[in-house]
C-alpha atoms as a PDB file:
ATOM      1  CA  MET A   1       6.629  61.740  61.169  1.00  0.00           C
ATOM      2  CA  GLU A   2       6.149  63.261  64.226  1.00  0.00           C
ATOM      3  CA  GLN A   3       8.146  66.476  63.090  1.00  0.00           C
ATOM      4  CA  SER A   4       4.926  66.134  60.235  1.00  0.00           C
ATOM      5  CA  ILE A   5       2.385  66.013  62.783  1.00  0.00           C
ATOM      6  CA  VAL A   6       4.117  69.249  64.973  1.00  0.00           C
ATOM      7  CA  ASN A   7       4.094  71.195  61.640  1.00  0.00           C
ATOM      8  CA  GLU A   8       0.342  70.575  60.919  1.00  0.00           C
ATOM      9  CA  VAL A   9      -0.585  71.590  64.333  1.00  0.00           C
ATOM     10  CA  VAL A  10       1.814  74.549  63.887  1.00  0.00           C
ATOM     11  CA  SER A  11       0.261  76.014  60.398  1.00  0.00           C
ATOM     12  CA  ALA A  12      -3.306  75.162  62.101  1.00  0.00           C
ATOM     13  CA  LEU A  13      -3.041  77.327  64.473  1.00  0.00           C
ATOM     14  CA  GLU A  14      -1.359  80.197  62.342  1.00  0.00           C
ATOM     15  CA  ALA A  15      -4.105  80.093  60.201  1.00  0.00           C
ATOM     16  CA  VAL A  16      -6.529  80.261  63.169  1.00  0.00           C
ATOM     17  CA  LYS A  17      -4.863  83.070  64.440  1.00  0.00           C
ATOM     18  CA  SER A  18      -5.122  84.664  60.878  1.00  0.00           C
ATOM     19  CA  TYR A  19      -9.115  84.328  61.610  1.00  0.00           C
ATOM     20  CA  GLY A  20      -8.992  86.231  64.946  1.00  0.00           C
ATOM     21  CA  GLN A  21      -8.981  85.253  68.722  1.00  0.00           C
ATOM     22  CA  PRO A  22     -12.359  83.918  68.877  1.00  0.00           C
ATOM     23  CA  GLY A  23     -11.252  80.775  66.776  1.00  0.00           C
ATOM     24  CA  PHE A  24      -7.588  80.575  68.069  1.00  0.00           C
ATOM     25  CA  TRP A  25      -9.484  79.802  71.539  1.00  0.00           C
ATOM     26  CA  ILE A  26     -11.837  77.237  69.883  1.00  0.00           C
ATOM     27  CA  LEU A  27      -8.624  75.400  68.256  1.00  0.00           C
ATOM     28  CA  LEU A  28      -6.923  75.472  70.954  1.00  0.00           C
ATOM     29  CA  SER A  29     -10.209  74.210  73.677  1.00  0.00           C
ATOM     30  CA  ILE A  30     -10.381  71.101  70.600  1.00  0.00           C
ATOM     31  CA  LEU A  31      -7.052  70.436  70.986  1.00  0.00           C
ATOM     32  CA  ILE A  32      -6.885  70.064  74.703  1.00  0.00           C
ATOM     33  CA  VAL A  33      -9.586  68.025  74.433  1.00  0.00           C
ATOM     34  CA  LEU A  34      -8.179  65.670  71.829  1.00  0.00           C
ATOM     35  CA  VAL A  35      -5.151  65.577  73.740  1.00  0.00           C
ATOM     36  CA  LEU A  36      -7.571  64.481  76.722  1.00  0.00           C
ATOM     37  CA  VAL A  37      -8.999  61.941  74.664  1.00  0.00           C
ATOM     38  CA  ILE A  38      -5.662  60.674  73.644  1.00  0.00           C
ATOM     39  CA  ALA A  39      -4.902  60.370  77.339  1.00  0.00           C
ATOM     40  CA  ALA A  40      -7.629  58.606  78.489  1.00  0.00           C
ATOM     41  CA  VAL A  41      -7.108  56.123  75.858  1.00  0.00           C
ATOM     42  CA  VAL A  42      -3.805  55.526  76.385  1.00  0.00           C
ATOM     43  CA  TYR A  43      -4.034  54.745  80.220  1.00  0.00           C
ATOM     44  CA  GLN A  44      -6.982  52.409  79.251  1.00  0.00           C
ATOM     45  CA  ARG A  45      -5.227  50.574  77.314  1.00  0.00           C
ATOM     46  CA  ILE A  46      -2.569  50.549  80.123  1.00  0.00           C
ATOM     47  CA  VAL A  47      -4.881  49.433  82.691  1.00  0.00           C
ATOM     48  CA  ILE A  48      -6.283  47.002  80.405  1.00  0.00           C
ATOM     49  CA  LYS A  49      -2.842  45.334  79.855  1.00  0.00           C
ATOM     50  CA  ARG A  50      -2.267  45.089  83.810  1.00  0.00           C
ATOM     51  CA  PHE A  51      -5.434  43.299  84.146  1.00  0.00           C
ATOM     52  CA  GLN A  52      -4.896  41.168  81.759  1.00  0.00           C
ATOM     53  CA  THR A  53      -1.519  40.036  83.129  1.00  0.00           C
ATOM     54  CA  ALA A  54      -2.925  39.996  86.719  1.00  0.00           C
ATOM     55  CA  SER A  55      -5.887  38.050  85.317  1.00  0.00           C
ATOM     56  CA  LYS A  56      -3.422  35.455  83.358  1.00  0.00           C
ATOM     57  CA  ALA A  57      -1.015  35.086  86.468  1.00  0.00           C
ATOM     58  CA  THR A  58      -4.565  34.551  88.285  1.00  0.00           C
ATOM     59  CA  GLN A  59      -5.586  31.952  85.771  1.00  0.00           C
ATOM     60  CA  GLU A  60      -2.110  29.720  86.602  1.00  0.00           C
ATOM     61  CA  ASN A  61      -2.555  29.862  90.104  1.00  0.00           C
ATOM     62  CA  PHE A  62      -6.178  28.997  89.637  1.00  0.00           C
ATOM     63  CA  GLU A  63      -5.162  25.879  87.193  1.00  0.00           C
ATOM     64  CA  THR A  64      -1.939  24.913  89.598  1.00  0.00           C
ATOM     65  CA  ILE A  65      -4.319  24.872  92.653  1.00  0.00           C
ATOM     66  CA  ALA A  66      -6.797  22.689  90.243  1.00  0.00           C
ATOM     67  CA  VAL A  67      -4.144  20.031  89.618  1.00  0.00           C
ATOM     68  CA  ASP A  68      -2.977  19.891  93.091  1.00  0.00           C
ATOM     69  CA  LEU A  69      -6.854  19.399  94.381  1.00  0.00           C
ATOM     70  CA  ARG A  70      -7.059  16.228  91.863  1.00  0.00           C
ATOM     71  CA  LYS A  71      -4.145  14.973  92.921  1.00  0.00           C
ATOM     72  CA  ARG A  72      -5.433  15.219  96.468  1.00  0.00           C
ATOM     73  CA  ALA A  73      -8.819  13.975  95.286  1.00  0.00           C
ATOM     74  CA  LEU A  74      -7.178  10.851  93.681  1.00  0.00           C
ATOM     75  CA  GLU A  75      -5.064   9.844  96.991  1.00  0.00           C
ATOM     76  CA  VAL A  76      -8.292  10.489  98.866  1.00  0.00           C
ATOM     77  CA  LYS A  77     -10.047   8.032  96.663  1.00  0.00           C
ATOM     78  CA  LYS A  78      -7.511   5.338  97.125  1.00  0.00           C
ATOM     79  CA  GLN A  79      -7.272   5.772 100.691  1.00  0.00           C
ATOM     80  CA  ASP A  80     -10.892   5.336 100.762  1.00  0.00           C
ATOM     81  CA  GLU A  81     -10.781   1.969  98.529  1.00  0.00           C
ATOM     82  CA  GLY A  82      -7.777   1.060 100.800  1.00  0.00           C
ATOM     83  CA  LEU A  83     -10.222   1.653 104.254  1.00  0.00           C
ATOM     84  CA  ARG A  84     -13.467   0.133 102.423  1.00  0.00           C
ATOM     85  CA  LYS A  85     -11.317  -2.646 101.507  1.00  0.00           C
ATOM     86  CA  ARG A  86     -10.141  -3.537 105.281  1.00  0.00           C
ATOM     87  CA  GLU A  87     -13.330  -3.231 106.462  1.00  0.00           C
ATOM     88  CA  LEU A  88     -14.396  -6.154 103.830  1.00  0.00           C
ATOM     89  CA  GLU A  89     -11.918  -8.384 105.359  1.00  0.00           C
ATOM     90  CA  VAL A  90     -12.473  -7.742 108.615  1.00  0.00           C
ATOM     91  CA  LYS A  91     -15.986  -8.271 108.471  1.00  0.00           C
ATOM     92  CA  GLU A  92     -15.505 -11.502 106.177  1.00  0.00           C
ATOM     93  CA  ARG A  93     -12.928 -12.380 109.377  1.00  0.00           C
ATOM     94  CA  ARG A  94     -15.637 -11.850 112.038  1.00  0.00           C
ATOM     95  CA  GLN A  95     -18.486 -13.930 109.827  1.00  0.00           C
ATOM     96  CA  GLN A  96     -15.980 -16.472 109.220  1.00  0.00           C
ATOM     97  CA  GLN A  97     -15.640 -16.502 112.842  1.00  0.00           C
ATOM     98  CA  VAL A  98     -18.996 -16.630 113.615  1.00  0.00           C
ATOM     99  CA  LEU A  99     -20.006 -19.385 111.447  1.00  0.00           C
ATOM    100  CA  LYS A 100     -17.275 -21.540 113.337  1.00  0.00           C
ATOM    101  CA  ARG A 101     -18.772 -21.029 116.578  1.00  0.00           C
ATOM    102  CA  SER A 102     -22.239 -21.602 115.516  1.00  0.00           C
ATOM    103  CA  GLN A 103     -20.612 -25.147 113.759  1.00  0.00           C
ATOM    104  CA  ARG A 104     -18.888 -25.686 117.280  1.00  0.00           C
ATOM    105  CA  ALA A 105     -22.271 -25.297 118.957  1.00  0.00           C
ATOM    106  CA  LEU A 106     -24.183 -27.637 116.974  1.00  0.00           C
ATOM    107  CA  LYS A 107     -21.411 -30.175 116.933  1.00  0.00           C
ATOM    108  CA  GLY A 108     -21.983 -29.825 120.750  1.00  0.00           C
ATOM    109  CA  SER A 109     -25.559 -30.085 120.610  1.00  0.00           C
ATOM    110  CA  VAL A 110     -26.050 -32.853 117.821  1.00  0.00           C
ATOM    111  CA  SER A 111     -22.935 -34.526 120.493  1.00  0.00           C
ATOM    112  CA  HIS A 112     -24.729 -33.780 123.452  1.00  0.00           C
ATOM    113  CA  THR A 113     -28.296 -34.956 122.466  1.00  0.00           C
ATOM    114  CA  MET A 114     -26.669 -37.956 120.978  1.00  0.00           C
ATOM    115  CA  LEU A 115     -25.302 -38.731 124.331  1.00  0.00           C
ATOM    116  CA  GLN A 116     -28.787 -38.567 126.351  1.00  0.00           C
ATOM    117  CA  PRO A 117     -30.026 -41.985 127.080  1.00  0.00           C
ATOM    118  CA  ASP A 118     -33.263 -41.230 125.872  1.00  0.00           C
ATOM    119  CA  PHE A 119     -31.834 -40.536 122.280  1.00  0.00           C
ATOM    120  CA  LYS A 120     -33.981 -43.082 119.711  1.00  0.00           C
ATOM    121  CA  GLY A 121     -31.793 -42.297 117.074  1.00  0.00           C
ATOM    122  CA  MET A 122     -31.970 -39.794 113.623  1.00  0.00           C
ATOM    123  CA  THR A 123     -34.896 -40.819 111.429  1.00  0.00           C
ATOM    124  CA  SER A 124     -33.679 -41.298 107.900  1.00  0.00           C
ATOM    125  CA  VAL A 125     -34.757 -42.881 104.263  1.00  0.00           C
ATOM    126  CA  GLY A 126     -31.618 -44.914 104.868  1.00  0.00           C
ATOM    127  CA  PRO A 127     -31.394 -48.630 107.278  1.00  0.00           C
ATOM    128  CA  ASP A 128     -31.737 -47.504 111.070  1.00  0.00           C
ATOM    129  CA  SER A 129     -27.961 -47.719 112.949  1.00  0.00           C
ATOM    130  CA  SER A 130     -28.227 -49.362 116.108  1.00  0.00           C
ATOM    131  CA  LYS A 131     -26.651 -46.775 119.161  1.00  0.00           C
ATOM    132  CA  ALA A 132     -23.299 -48.563 119.389  1.00  0.00           C
ATOM    133  CA  ASP A 133     -22.545 -47.857 116.249  1.00  0.00           C
ATOM    134  CA  LEU A 134     -23.512 -44.162 116.563  1.00  0.00           C
ATOM    135  CA  GLN A 135     -21.555 -44.450 119.471  1.00  0.00           C
ATOM    136  CA  ARG A 136     -18.397 -46.432 117.890  1.00  0.00           C
ATOM    137  CA  LYS A 137     -18.763 -43.277 115.139  1.00  0.00           C
ATOM    138  CA  LEU A 138     -19.158 -40.685 118.284  1.00  0.00           C
ATOM    139  CA  ASP A 139     -15.987 -41.965 119.660  1.00  0.00           C
ATOM    140  CA  GLU A 140     -13.771 -42.189 116.139  1.00  0.00           C
ATOM    141  CA  ALA A 141     -15.021 -38.425 115.720  1.00  0.00           C
ATOM    142  CA  ARG A 142     -13.552 -37.372 119.139  1.00  0.00           C
ATOM    143  CA  LEU A 143     -10.562 -39.125 118.865  1.00  0.00           C
ATOM    144  CA  GLN A 144      -9.941 -38.016 115.123  1.00  0.00           C
ATOM    145  CA  ASN A 145     -10.369 -34.594 116.334  1.00  0.00           C
ATOM    146  CA  SER A 146      -7.996 -34.894 119.580  1.00  0.00           C
ATOM    147  CA  LYS A 147      -4.866 -36.312 117.492  1.00  0.00           C
ATOM    148  CA  SER A 148      -5.689 -33.106 115.395  1.00  0.00           C
ATOM    149  CA  ASP A 149      -5.991 -30.842 118.079  1.00  0.00           C
ATOM    150  CA  ARG A 150      -2.438 -32.219 119.061  1.00  0.00           C
ATOM    151  CA  GLU A 151      -0.647 -31.935 116.111  1.00  0.00           C
ATOM    152  CA  PRO A 152       0.887 -27.866 115.844  1.00  0.00           C
ATOM    153  CA  GLY A 153       0.826 -27.633 112.196  1.00  0.00           C
ATOM    154  CA  ARG A 154      -3.219 -28.681 111.841  1.00  0.00           C
ATOM    155  CA  GLN A 155      -3.773 -26.871 115.296  1.00  0.00           C
ATOM    156  CA  ALA A 156      -2.610 -23.673 113.456  1.00  0.00           C
ATOM    157  CA  SER A 157      -4.513 -23.927 110.469  1.00  0.00           C
ATOM    158  CA  THR A 158      -8.027 -24.440 111.875  1.00  0.00           C
ATOM    159  CA  GLN A 159      -8.221 -21.404 113.694  1.00  0.00           C
END
């Protein structure tokens, strides 16, 4: 095939030669321009191919980086959830401790008020209790509390 193209070009040159010198130079300049255009097209194709190869490699790198970033984001999210859970647990423990302290303070306040000499008793819908009954109930409650404080298993569970 290449041989036939060369033969055609040679026969074209001989035909132009028969027309004289100016036709030969015109045809030669056209051929040179044609060769330059073909070279430019080939060069562009090579450049485009290289660019596509580089672009493909860059795309693969971006995809790899994106996968890594997604993994890291998932890890950070898990860590954040763990931290939030721990913070909630700590907050709940603090609230329980404050509640226990408040309950102890309230018990102490009620006990202190009931032991005062001018304490008349609580008003309620039910029958009035005598001062001696209230004192007896308070003593029983103290006795039970002191027994539970002495037991090692119960002491750990109440704290």
